[in-house]
């Protein structure tokens, strides 16, 4: 090999090694950057930034929540909260089950009736708790219902959960229903915002819902209601369940019902129940149903006996 050719060969080898080193360093840097990004976006703050930056083209996301998976819309309030925290108000379900056990109100082999299943968050939490043999979940919003059935299916709960796509009311037929676009959990038979979209959905009485689910009323061990202000109407078709003192847990919202409506609703509930527990954030207050607050902010309440 001539000196000139040897020089070229040596320079080529140096260049090749330098190129290989640059590629190695770039790969190493990219891997480190990806690892740092993964660690950052796996924090609650990072997840908050990530979910906030997802555009409207992403319609559905599915995340591993540990003991279950959950699909949701990333543009929806509930979906964003699931992505950030890994659950949506699961502690409310745990708290309620603890109270029911303390009060001796858990009956083995019974069925949970859930009016307002949304996308199935509480449905899944109740199913995982094994507290009830079966669950009947009712959801009127077609967007939520698609995700509800998907979440039931992908968690292998088809044999234990029956999902029914309708609103719960005091008659059977059809009902104007208003879709909230930023918070699907706020969709309701009562219009809350001028921007809400009106659609028509089927409405059924609670006895009709139970008949379709082939479930007698004495099998119901708990009624869970979260239907955005339509609770008084749905309860009008639940007299038989309330007459047998079936535990009833609901959101009570005086601002939805109005002053006279809140008082009338409280009186009607007092016809069936004497004792209740009011939940406001982390505080729980036992009281008589006749003393139930009919003014102020929304609160959760368990009617017991």
C-alpha atoms as a PDB file:
ATOM      1  CA  UNK A   1       0.000   0.000   0.000  1.00  0.00           C
ATOM      2  CA  UNK A   2       1.433   3.363  -1.014  1.00  0.00           C
ATOM      3  CA  UNK A   3       1.800   6.104   1.628  1.00  0.00           C
ATOM      4  CA  UNK A   4      -0.932   8.142  -0.043  1.00  0.00           C
ATOM      5  CA  UNK A   5      -3.336   5.218  -0.165  1.00  0.00           C
ATOM      6  CA  UNK A   6      -2.462   4.341   3.422  1.00  0.00           C
ATOM      7  CA  UNK A   7      -3.198   7.901   4.488  1.00  0.00           C
ATOM      8  CA  UNK A   8      -6.592   7.811   2.773  1.00  0.00           C
ATOM      9  CA  UNK A   9      -7.401   4.496   4.399  1.00  0.00           C
ATOM     10  CA  UNK A  10      -6.437   5.806   7.821  1.00  0.00           C
ATOM     11  CA  UNK A  11      -8.524   8.941   7.355  1.00  0.00           C
ATOM     12  CA  UNK A  12     -11.472   6.857   6.164  1.00  0.00           C
ATOM     13  CA  UNK A  13     -11.204   4.684   9.271  1.00  0.00           C
ATOM     14  CA  UNK A  14     -11.058   7.754  11.504  1.00  0.00           C
ATOM     15  CA  UNK A  15     -14.091   9.242   9.744  1.00  0.00           C
ATOM     16  CA  UNK A  16     -15.945   5.935   9.986  1.00  0.00           C
ATOM     17  CA  UNK A  17     -15.212   5.644  13.716  1.00  0.00           C
ATOM     18  CA  UNK A  18     -16.266   9.272  14.245  1.00  0.00           C
ATOM     19  CA  UNK A  19     -19.485   8.666  12.338  1.00  0.00           C
ATOM     20  CA  UNK A  20     -20.179   5.523  14.352  1.00  0.00           C
ATOM     21  CA  UNK A  21     -19.450   7.410  17.567  1.00  0.00           C
ATOM     22  CA  UNK A  22     -21.823  10.225  16.577  1.00  0.00           C
ATOM     23  CA  UNK A  23     -24.569   7.734  15.741  1.00  0.00           C
ATOM     24  CA  UNK A  24     -23.989   5.921  19.033  1.00  0.00           C
ATOM     25  CA  UNK A  25     -24.103   9.164  20.995  1.00  0.00           C
ATOM     26  CA  UNK A  26     -27.264  10.279  19.155  1.00  0.00           C
ATOM     27  CA  UNK A  27     -28.941   6.965  19.911  1.00  0.00           C
ATOM     28  CA  UNK A  28     -27.816   7.150  23.530  1.00  0.00           C
ATOM     29  CA  UNK A  29     -29.002  10.741  23.843  1.00  0.00           C
ATOM     30  CA  UNK A  30     -32.353   9.903  22.233  1.00  0.00           C
ATOM     31  CA  UNK A  31     -32.814   6.941  24.575  1.00  0.00           C
ATOM     32  CA  UNK A  32     -31.958   9.065  27.617  1.00  0.00           C
ATOM     33  CA  UNK A  33     -34.327  11.783  26.415  1.00  0.00           C
ATOM     34  CA  UNK A  34     -37.126   9.247  25.928  1.00  0.00           C
ATOM     35  CA  UNK A  35     -36.498   7.749  29.376  1.00  0.00           C
ATOM     36  CA  UNK A  36     -36.586  11.179  31.003  1.00  0.00           C
ATOM     37  CA  UNK A  37     -39.762  12.069  29.084  1.00  0.00           C
ATOM     38  CA  UNK A  38     -41.414   8.801  30.139  1.00  0.00           C
ATOM     39  CA  UNK A  39     -40.508   9.417  33.767  1.00  0.00           C
ATOM     40  CA  UNK A  40     -41.794  12.990  33.593  1.00  0.00           C
ATOM     41  CA  UNK A  41     -45.041  12.132  31.801  1.00  0.00           C
ATOM     42  CA  UNK A  42     -45.661   9.339  34.302  1.00  0.00           C
ATOM     43  CA  UNK A  43     -46.004  11.952  37.053  1.00  0.00           C
ATOM     44  CA  UNK A  44     -49.382  13.499  37.786  1.00  0.00           C
ATOM     45  CA  UNK A  45     -48.186  16.903  36.543  1.00  0.00           C
ATOM     46  CA  UNK A  46     -46.761  15.346  33.389  1.00  0.00           C
ATOM     47  CA  UNK A  47     -49.955  13.410  32.704  1.00  0.00           C
ATOM     48  CA  UNK A  48     -51.920  16.620  33.155  1.00  0.00           C
ATOM     49  CA  UNK A  49     -49.788  18.347  30.501  1.00  0.00           C
ATOM     50  CA  UNK A  50     -50.012  15.350  28.191  1.00  0.00           C
ATOM     51  CA  UNK A  51     -53.786  14.927  28.326  1.00  0.00           C
ATOM     52  CA  UNK A  52     -54.254  18.682  27.913  1.00  0.00           C
ATOM     53  CA  UNK A  53     -52.206  18.646  24.728  1.00  0.00           C
ATOM     54  CA  UNK A  54     -54.118  15.883  22.976  1.00  0.00           C
ATOM     55  CA  UNK A  55     -56.088  17.239  20.034  1.00  0.00           C
ATOM     56  CA  UNK A  56     -59.696  16.606  19.077  1.00  0.00           C
ATOM     57  CA  UNK A  57     -58.697  13.993  16.483  1.00  0.00           C
ATOM     58  CA  UNK A  58     -58.068  11.483  19.295  1.00  0.00           C
ATOM     59  CA  UNK A  59     -61.529  10.145  20.078  1.00  0.00           C
ATOM     60  CA  UNK A  60     -60.780   7.346  22.552  1.00  0.00           C
ATOM     61  CA  UNK A  61     -57.914   6.297  24.814  1.00  0.00           C
ATOM     62  CA  UNK A  62     -57.464   3.146  26.897  1.00  0.00           C
ATOM     63  CA  UNK A  63     -55.255   3.054  29.987  1.00  0.00           C
ATOM     64  CA  UNK A  64     -54.133   0.340  32.378  1.00  0.00           C
ATOM     65  CA  UNK A  65     -55.463   1.343  35.807  1.00  0.00           C
ATOM     66  CA  UNK A  66     -53.830  -1.524  37.697  1.00  0.00           C
ATOM     67  CA  UNK A  67     -56.613  -4.002  38.429  1.00  0.00           C
ATOM     68  CA  UNK A  68     -58.629  -3.022  35.347  1.00  0.00           C
ATOM     69  CA  UNK A  69     -58.430  -1.129  32.077  1.00  0.00           C
ATOM     70  CA  UNK A  70     -60.560   1.877  31.181  1.00  0.00           C
ATOM     71  CA  UNK A  71     -61.431   3.444  27.830  1.00  0.00           C
ATOM     72  CA  UNK A  72     -62.545   7.067  27.730  1.00  0.00           C
ATOM     73  CA  UNK A  73     -62.682  10.214  25.636  1.00  0.00           C
ATOM     74  CA  UNK A  74     -59.590  12.380  26.299  1.00  0.00           C
ATOM     75  CA  UNK A  75     -61.661  15.519  25.667  1.00  0.00           C
ATOM     76  CA  UNK A  76     -64.094  14.642  28.478  1.00  0.00           C
ATOM     77  CA  UNK A  77     -63.695  15.776  32.097  1.00  0.00           C
ATOM     78  CA  UNK A  78     -64.024  12.259  33.505  1.00  0.00           C
ATOM     79  CA  UNK A  79     -61.576  10.834  30.969  1.00  0.00           C
ATOM     80  CA  UNK A  80     -58.961  13.469  31.764  1.00  0.00           C
ATOM     81  CA  UNK A  81     -59.316  12.759  35.475  1.00  0.00           C
ATOM     82  CA  UNK A  82     -58.878   9.015  34.915  1.00  0.00           C
ATOM     83  CA  UNK A  83     -55.727   9.686  32.885  1.00  0.00           C
ATOM     84  CA  UNK A  84     -54.269  11.949  35.581  1.00  0.00           C
ATOM     85  CA  UNK A  85     -55.217   9.952  38.696  1.00  0.00           C
ATOM     86  CA  UNK A  86     -55.829   6.414  37.439  1.00  0.00           C
ATOM     87  CA  UNK A  87     -59.435   6.435  38.655  1.00  0.00           C
ATOM     88  CA  UNK A  88     -62.547   8.597  38.928  1.00  0.00           C
ATOM     89  CA  UNK A  89     -63.851   8.974  42.505  1.00  0.00           C
ATOM     90  CA  UNK A  90     -63.206   5.335  43.357  1.00  0.00           C
ATOM     91  CA  UNK A  91     -62.870   6.359  46.994  1.00  0.00           C
ATOM     92  CA  UNK A  92     -66.597   7.211  47.016  1.00  0.00           C
ATOM     93  CA  UNK A  93     -67.428   3.597  46.167  1.00  0.00           C
ATOM     94  CA  UNK A  94     -65.014   2.280  48.809  1.00  0.00           C
ATOM     95  CA  UNK A  95     -66.468   4.665  51.406  1.00  0.00           C
ATOM     96  CA  UNK A  96     -70.045   3.674  50.605  1.00  0.00           C
ATOM     97  CA  UNK A  97     -69.313  -0.050  50.802  1.00  0.00           C
ATOM     98  CA  UNK A  98     -67.587   0.456  54.155  1.00  0.00           C
ATOM     99  CA  UNK A  99     -70.635   2.319  55.516  1.00  0.00           C
ATOM    100  CA  UNK A 100     -73.046  -0.334  54.228  1.00  0.00           C
ATOM    101  CA  UNK A 101     -71.020  -3.043  55.982  1.00  0.00           C
ATOM    102  CA  UNK A 102     -70.843  -1.040  59.210  1.00  0.00           C
ATOM    103  CA  UNK A 103     -74.608  -0.517  59.116  1.00  0.00           C
ATOM    104  CA  UNK A 104     -75.318  -4.190  58.388  1.00  0.00           C
ATOM    105  CA  UNK A 105     -76.925  -3.330  55.050  1.00  0.00           C
ATOM    106  CA  UNK A 106     -74.945  -5.687  52.805  1.00  0.00           C
ATOM    107  CA  UNK A 107     -76.949  -8.712  51.656  1.00  0.00           C
ATOM    108  CA  UNK A 108     -75.109 -11.537  49.927  1.00  0.00           C
ATOM    109  CA  UNK A 109     -76.111 -12.485  46.408  1.00  0.00           C
ATOM    110  CA  UNK A 110     -77.988  -9.268  45.642  1.00  0.00           C
ATOM    111  CA  UNK A 111     -77.932  -6.990  42.600  1.00  0.00           C
ATOM    112  CA  UNK A 112     -76.810  -3.374  42.309  1.00  0.00           C
ATOM    113  CA  UNK A 113     -79.087  -1.088  40.285  1.00  0.00           C
ATOM    114  CA  UNK A 114     -77.034   1.808  38.903  1.00  0.00           C
ATOM    115  CA  UNK A 115     -78.972   4.649  37.274  1.00  0.00           C
ATOM    116  CA  UNK A 116     -76.461   6.811  35.424  1.00  0.00           C
ATOM    117  CA  UNK A 117     -73.647   4.407  34.577  1.00  0.00           C
ATOM    118  CA  UNK A 118     -71.701   6.947  32.501  1.00  0.00           C
ATOM    119  CA  UNK A 119     -68.671   5.145  30.977  1.00  0.00           C
ATOM    120  CA  UNK A 120     -68.598   2.484  33.685  1.00  0.00           C
ATOM    121  CA  UNK A 121     -66.128   3.806  36.241  1.00  0.00           C
ATOM    122  CA  UNK A 122     -68.264   3.075  39.315  1.00  0.00           C
ATOM    123  CA  UNK A 123     -69.684  -0.001  37.577  1.00  0.00           C
ATOM    124  CA  UNK A 124     -66.194  -1.478  37.297  1.00  0.00           C
ATOM    125  CA  UNK A 125     -65.256  -0.501  40.868  1.00  0.00           C
ATOM    126  CA  UNK A 126     -68.371  -2.167  42.276  1.00  0.00           C
ATOM    127  CA  UNK A 127     -67.768  -5.265  40.145  1.00  0.00           C
ATOM    128  CA  UNK A 128     -64.158  -5.538  41.320  1.00  0.00           C
ATOM    129  CA  UNK A 129     -65.285  -5.265  44.950  1.00  0.00           C
ATOM    130  CA  UNK A 130     -67.347  -8.478  44.570  1.00  0.00           C
ATOM    131  CA  UNK A 131     -69.945  -6.865  46.853  1.00  0.00           C
ATOM    132  CA  UNK A 132     -72.850  -7.684  44.507  1.00  0.00           C
ATOM    133  CA  UNK A 133     -73.578 -10.780  42.488  1.00  0.00           C
ATOM    134  CA  UNK A 134     -74.854  -8.781  39.516  1.00  0.00           C
ATOM    135  CA  UNK A 135     -75.013  -5.167  38.368  1.00  0.00           C
ATOM    136  CA  UNK A 136     -77.677  -3.524  36.219  1.00  0.00           C
ATOM    137  CA  UNK A 137     -76.326  -0.261  34.840  1.00  0.00           C
ATOM    138  CA  UNK A 138     -78.491   2.235  32.963  1.00  0.00           C
ATOM    139  CA  UNK A 139     -77.068   4.998  30.750  1.00  0.00           C
ATOM    140  CA  UNK A 140     -78.922   7.312  28.351  1.00  0.00           C
ATOM    141  CA  UNK A 141     -76.053   9.159  26.625  1.00  0.00           C
ATOM    142  CA  UNK A 142     -75.127   7.135  23.500  1.00  0.00           C
ATOM    143  CA  UNK A 143     -71.513   8.358  23.672  1.00  0.00           C
ATOM    144  CA  UNK A 144     -71.145   7.133  27.234  1.00  0.00           C
ATOM    145  CA  UNK A 145     -72.997   3.900  26.512  1.00  0.00           C
ATOM    146  CA  UNK A 146     -70.534   2.898  23.778  1.00  0.00           C
ATOM    147  CA  UNK A 147     -67.646   3.298  26.221  1.00  0.00           C
ATOM    148  CA  UNK A 148     -69.632   1.667  29.043  1.00  0.00           C
ATOM    149  CA  UNK A 149     -70.188  -1.515  27.033  1.00  0.00           C
ATOM    150  CA  UNK A 150     -66.559  -1.488  25.841  1.00  0.00           C
ATOM    151  CA  UNK A 151     -65.292  -1.220  29.423  1.00  0.00           C
ATOM    152  CA  UNK A 152     -67.570  -4.022  30.584  1.00  0.00           C
ATOM    153  CA  UNK A 153     -66.354  -6.235  27.733  1.00  0.00           C
ATOM    154  CA  UNK A 154     -62.623  -5.559  28.013  1.00  0.00           C
ATOM    155  CA  UNK A 155     -62.708  -6.258  31.752  1.00  0.00           C
ATOM    156  CA  UNK A 156     -64.474  -9.580  31.199  1.00  0.00           C
ATOM    157  CA  UNK A 157     -67.633  -8.593  33.087  1.00  0.00           C
ATOM    158  CA  UNK A 158     -70.305  -9.446  30.502  1.00  0.00           C
ATOM    159  CA  UNK A 159     -71.695 -12.278  32.655  1.00  0.00           C
ATOM    160  CA  UNK A 160     -72.089 -10.069  35.721  1.00  0.00           C
ATOM    161  CA  UNK A 161     -73.113  -6.682  34.309  1.00  0.00           C
ATOM    162  CA  UNK A 162     -76.228  -5.903  32.276  1.00  0.00           C
ATOM    163  CA  UNK A 163     -76.112  -2.532  30.488  1.00  0.00           C
ATOM    164  CA  UNK A 164     -79.317  -0.851  29.310  1.00  0.00           C
ATOM    165  CA  UNK A 165     -79.281   2.181  26.995  1.00  0.00           C
ATOM    166  CA  UNK A 166     -82.118   4.422  28.198  1.00  0.00           C
ATOM    167  CA  UNK A 167     -83.037   7.132  30.667  1.00  0.00           C
ATOM    168  CA  UNK A 168     -84.812   6.221  33.910  1.00  0.00           C
ATOM    169  CA  UNK A 169     -88.071   8.091  34.467  1.00  0.00           C
ATOM    170  CA  UNK A 170     -91.698   7.807  35.533  1.00  0.00           C
ATOM    171  CA  UNK A 171     -93.041   6.660  32.159  1.00  0.00           C
ATOM    172  CA  UNK A 172     -91.994   4.595  29.150  1.00  0.00           C
ATOM    173  CA  UNK A 173     -91.467   6.234  25.780  1.00  0.00           C
ATOM    174  CA  UNK A 174     -89.010   8.837  24.537  1.00  0.00           C
ATOM    175  CA  UNK A 175     -87.414  11.848  26.182  1.00  0.00           C
ATOM    176  CA  UNK A 176     -85.537  14.993  25.170  1.00  0.00           C
ATOM    177  CA  UNK A 177     -81.958  14.587  26.354  1.00  0.00           C
ATOM    178  CA  UNK A 178     -79.215  17.223  26.365  1.00  0.00           C
ATOM    179  CA  UNK A 179     -75.597  16.336  25.579  1.00  0.00           C
ATOM    180  CA  UNK A 180     -72.873  18.349  27.298  1.00  0.00           C
ATOM    181  CA  UNK A 181     -69.840  18.417  24.995  1.00  0.00           C
ATOM    182  CA  UNK A 182     -67.054  19.102  27.513  1.00  0.00           C
ATOM    183  CA  UNK A 183     -68.283  16.940  30.378  1.00  0.00           C
ATOM    184  CA  UNK A 184     -70.289  13.905  29.305  1.00  0.00           C
ATOM    185  CA  UNK A 185     -71.182  13.295  32.941  1.00  0.00           C
ATOM    186  CA  UNK A 186     -73.201  16.522  32.866  1.00  0.00           C
ATOM    187  CA  UNK A 187     -75.502  15.309  30.082  1.00  0.00           C
ATOM    188  CA  UNK A 188     -79.043  15.242  31.398  1.00  0.00           C
ATOM    189  CA  UNK A 189     -82.753  15.250  30.709  1.00  0.00           C
ATOM    190  CA  UNK A 190     -82.558  18.828  32.034  1.00  0.00           C
ATOM    191  CA  UNK A 191     -80.806  21.407  29.857  1.00  0.00           C
ATOM    192  CA  UNK A 192     -77.952  23.101  31.729  1.00  0.00           C
ATOM    193  CA  UNK A 193     -76.241  25.162  29.015  1.00  0.00           C
ATOM    194  CA  UNK A 194     -77.373  26.889  25.844  1.00  0.00           C
ATOM    195  CA  UNK A 195     -74.670  24.986  23.936  1.00  0.00           C
ATOM    196  CA  UNK A 196     -76.038  21.566  24.947  1.00  0.00           C
ATOM    197  CA  UNK A 197     -77.141  19.407  22.016  1.00  0.00           C
ATOM    198  CA  UNK A 198     -80.688  18.032  22.185  1.00  0.00           C
ATOM    199  CA  UNK A 199     -81.323  14.448  21.126  1.00  0.00           C
ATOM    200  CA  UNK A 200     -84.148  11.963  21.662  1.00  0.00           C
ATOM    201  CA  UNK A 201     -83.512   8.907  23.877  1.00  0.00           C
ATOM    202  CA  UNK A 202     -85.706   6.052  25.136  1.00  0.00           C
ATOM    203  CA  UNK A 203     -86.999   6.402  28.694  1.00  0.00           C
ATOM    204  CA  UNK A 204     -88.224   3.550  30.888  1.00  0.00           C
ATOM    205  CA  UNK A 205     -89.588   3.181  34.392  1.00  0.00           C
ATOM    206  CA  UNK A 206     -87.526   1.326  36.969  1.00  0.00           C
ATOM    207  CA  UNK A 207     -89.977  -1.644  37.043  1.00  0.00           C
ATOM    208  CA  UNK A 208     -89.664  -1.904  33.255  1.00  0.00           C
ATOM    209  CA  UNK A 209     -85.860  -1.775  33.490  1.00  0.00           C
ATOM    210  CA  UNK A 210     -85.861  -4.566  36.083  1.00  0.00           C
ATOM    211  CA  UNK A 211     -88.250  -6.638  33.973  1.00  0.00           C
ATOM    212  CA  UNK A 212     -85.955  -6.303  30.947  1.00  0.00           C
ATOM    213  CA  UNK A 213     -83.037  -7.380  33.138  1.00  0.00           C
ATOM    214  CA  UNK A 214     -85.148 -10.292  34.473  1.00  0.00           C
ATOM    215  CA  UNK A 215     -84.567  -9.180  38.047  1.00  0.00           C
ATOM    216  CA  UNK A 216     -87.253  -9.137  40.787  1.00  0.00           C
ATOM    217  CA  UNK A 217     -87.211  -6.121  43.096  1.00  0.00           C
ATOM    218  CA  UNK A 218     -86.330  -8.175  46.180  1.00  0.00           C
ATOM    219  CA  UNK A 219     -82.963  -9.019  44.575  1.00  0.00           C
ATOM    220  CA  UNK A 220     -81.886  -5.365  44.526  1.00  0.00           C
ATOM    221  CA  UNK A 221     -79.418  -4.712  47.344  1.00  0.00           C
ATOM    222  CA  UNK A 222     -78.479  -1.114  46.501  1.00  0.00           C
ATOM    223  CA  UNK A 223     -79.696   1.677  44.225  1.00  0.00           C
ATOM    224  CA  UNK A 224     -77.034   4.138  43.042  1.00  0.00           C
ATOM    225  CA  UNK A 225     -78.382   7.228  41.242  1.00  0.00           C
ATOM    226  CA  UNK A 226     -76.398   9.935  39.475  1.00  0.00           C
ATOM    227  CA  UNK A 227     -78.604  11.363  36.734  1.00  0.00           C
ATOM    228  CA  UNK A 228     -77.952  15.092  36.938  1.00  0.00           C
ATOM    229  CA  UNK A 229     -81.120  16.491  38.458  1.00  0.00           C
ATOM    230  CA  UNK A 230     -83.590  13.900  37.171  1.00  0.00           C
ATOM    231  CA  UNK A 231     -83.552  11.949  40.457  1.00  0.00           C
ATOM    232  CA  UNK A 232     -87.034  13.070  41.636  1.00  0.00           C
ATOM    233  CA  UNK A 233     -88.619  11.847  38.404  1.00  0.00           C
ATOM    234  CA  UNK A 234     -86.852   8.473  38.441  1.00  0.00           C
ATOM    235  CA  UNK A 235     -87.751   7.951  42.102  1.00  0.00           C
ATOM    236  CA  UNK A 236     -91.447   8.284  41.274  1.00  0.00           C
ATOM    237  CA  UNK A 237     -91.243   4.858  39.616  1.00  0.00           C
ATOM    238  CA  UNK A 238     -89.296   3.304  42.502  1.00  0.00           C
ATOM    239  CA  UNK A 239     -91.934   3.240  45.241  1.00  0.00           C
ATOM    240  CA  UNK A 240     -91.855  -0.551  45.549  1.00  0.00           C
ATOM    241  CA  UNK A 241     -88.078  -0.570  46.012  1.00  0.00           C
ATOM    242  CA  UNK A 242     -88.160   2.280  48.498  1.00  0.00           C
ATOM    243  CA  UNK A 243     -91.060   0.716  50.394  1.00  0.00           C
ATOM    244  CA  UNK A 244     -88.847  -2.275  51.211  1.00  0.00           C
ATOM    245  CA  UNK A 245     -86.132   0.111  52.459  1.00  0.00           C
ATOM    246  CA  UNK A 246     -83.614  -0.769  49.749  1.00  0.00           C
ATOM    247  CA  UNK A 247     -80.478   1.313  50.469  1.00  0.00           C
ATOM    248  CA  UNK A 248     -80.504   4.309  48.127  1.00  0.00           C
ATOM    249  CA  UNK A 249     -77.418   6.418  47.355  1.00  0.00           C
ATOM    250  CA  UNK A 250     -77.713   9.535  45.219  1.00  0.00           C
ATOM    251  CA  UNK A 251     -76.527  13.024  44.447  1.00  0.00           C
ATOM    252  CA  UNK A 252     -78.980  15.495  45.981  1.00  0.00           C
ATOM    253  CA  UNK A 253     -78.819  18.843  44.187  1.00  0.00           C
ATOM    254  CA  UNK A 254     -81.113  21.621  45.493  1.00  0.00           C
ATOM    255  CA  UNK A 255     -79.981  23.953  42.702  1.00  0.00           C
ATOM    256  CA  UNK A 256     -81.441  21.527  40.158  1.00  0.00           C
ATOM    257  CA  UNK A 257     -84.724  20.957  41.971  1.00  0.00           C
ATOM    258  CA  UNK A 258     -85.418  24.509  43.134  1.00  0.00           C
ATOM    259  CA  UNK A 259     -86.524  25.440  46.645  1.00  0.00           C
ATOM    260  CA  UNK A 260     -90.043  24.006  46.499  1.00  0.00           C
ATOM    261  CA  UNK A 261     -88.907  21.020  44.425  1.00  0.00           C
ATOM    262  CA  UNK A 262     -86.160  20.169  46.933  1.00  0.00           C
ATOM    263  CA  UNK A 263     -88.594  20.306  49.834  1.00  0.00           C
ATOM    264  CA  UNK A 264     -91.159  18.181  48.003  1.00  0.00           C
ATOM    265  CA  UNK A 265     -88.514  15.618  47.026  1.00  0.00           C
ATOM    266  CA  UNK A 266     -87.207  15.417  50.603  1.00  0.00           C
ATOM    267  CA  UNK A 267     -90.751  14.907  51.917  1.00  0.00           C
ATOM    268  CA  UNK A 268     -91.392  12.118  49.419  1.00  0.00           C
ATOM    269  CA  UNK A 269     -88.175  10.362  50.458  1.00  0.00           C
ATOM    270  CA  UNK A 270     -89.155  10.734  54.126  1.00  0.00           C
ATOM    271  CA  UNK A 271     -92.303   8.728  53.354  1.00  0.00           C
ATOM    272  CA  UNK A 272     -90.058   5.679  52.859  1.00  0.00           C
ATOM    273  CA  UNK A 273     -86.868   6.283  54.862  1.00  0.00           C
ATOM    274  CA  UNK A 274     -86.228   7.619  58.358  1.00  0.00           C
ATOM    275  CA  UNK A 275     -82.427   7.683  58.551  1.00  0.00           C
ATOM    276  CA  UNK A 276     -79.737   8.851  56.159  1.00  0.00           C
ATOM    277  CA  UNK A 277     -76.074   9.858  56.009  1.00  0.00           C
ATOM    278  CA  UNK A 278     -75.052  13.037  54.190  1.00  0.00           C
ATOM    279  CA  UNK A 279     -71.585  13.117  52.620  1.00  0.00           C
ATOM    280  CA  UNK A 280     -69.863  16.432  51.892  1.00  0.00           C
ATOM    281  CA  UNK A 281     -66.291  15.866  50.682  1.00  0.00           C
ATOM    282  CA  UNK A 282     -64.612  13.794  53.450  1.00  0.00           C
ATOM    283  CA  UNK A 283     -67.231  14.556  56.097  1.00  0.00           C
ATOM    284  CA  UNK A 284     -70.205  12.270  56.801  1.00  0.00           C
ATOM    285  CA  UNK A 285     -73.177  13.335  58.925  1.00  0.00           C
ATOM    286  CA  UNK A 286     -75.919  10.925  60.085  1.00  0.00           C
ATOM    287  CA  UNK A 287     -79.347  12.563  60.328  1.00  0.00           C
ATOM    288  CA  UNK A 288     -83.067  12.024  60.040  1.00  0.00           C
ATOM    289  CA  UNK A 289     -84.439  12.273  56.522  1.00  0.00           C
ATOM    290  CA  UNK A 290     -86.902  14.947  57.668  1.00  0.00           C
ATOM    291  CA  UNK A 291     -83.858  17.114  58.501  1.00  0.00           C
ATOM    292  CA  UNK A 292     -82.263  16.716  55.067  1.00  0.00           C
ATOM    293  CA  UNK A 293     -80.880  20.071  53.787  1.00  0.00           C
ATOM    294  CA  UNK A 294     -82.960  21.458  50.941  1.00  0.00           C
ATOM    295  CA  UNK A 295     -80.765  24.473  50.201  1.00  0.00           C
ATOM    296  CA  UNK A 296     -77.135  24.984  49.286  1.00  0.00           C
ATOM    297  CA  UNK A 297     -74.660  22.981  47.251  1.00  0.00           C
ATOM    298  CA  UNK A 298     -74.859  19.456  45.902  1.00  0.00           C
ATOM    299  CA  UNK A 299     -74.119  16.604  48.296  1.00  0.00           C
ATOM    300  CA  UNK A 300     -74.253  12.815  48.333  1.00  0.00           C
ATOM    301  CA  UNK A 301     -76.693  11.044  50.590  1.00  0.00           C
ATOM    302  CA  UNK A 302     -77.349   7.435  51.598  1.00  0.00           C
ATOM    303  CA  UNK A 303     -80.928   6.626  52.612  1.00  0.00           C
ATOM    304  CA  UNK A 304     -80.688   3.596  54.872  1.00  0.00           C
ATOM    305  CA  UNK A 305     -83.767   2.575  56.785  1.00  0.00           C
END
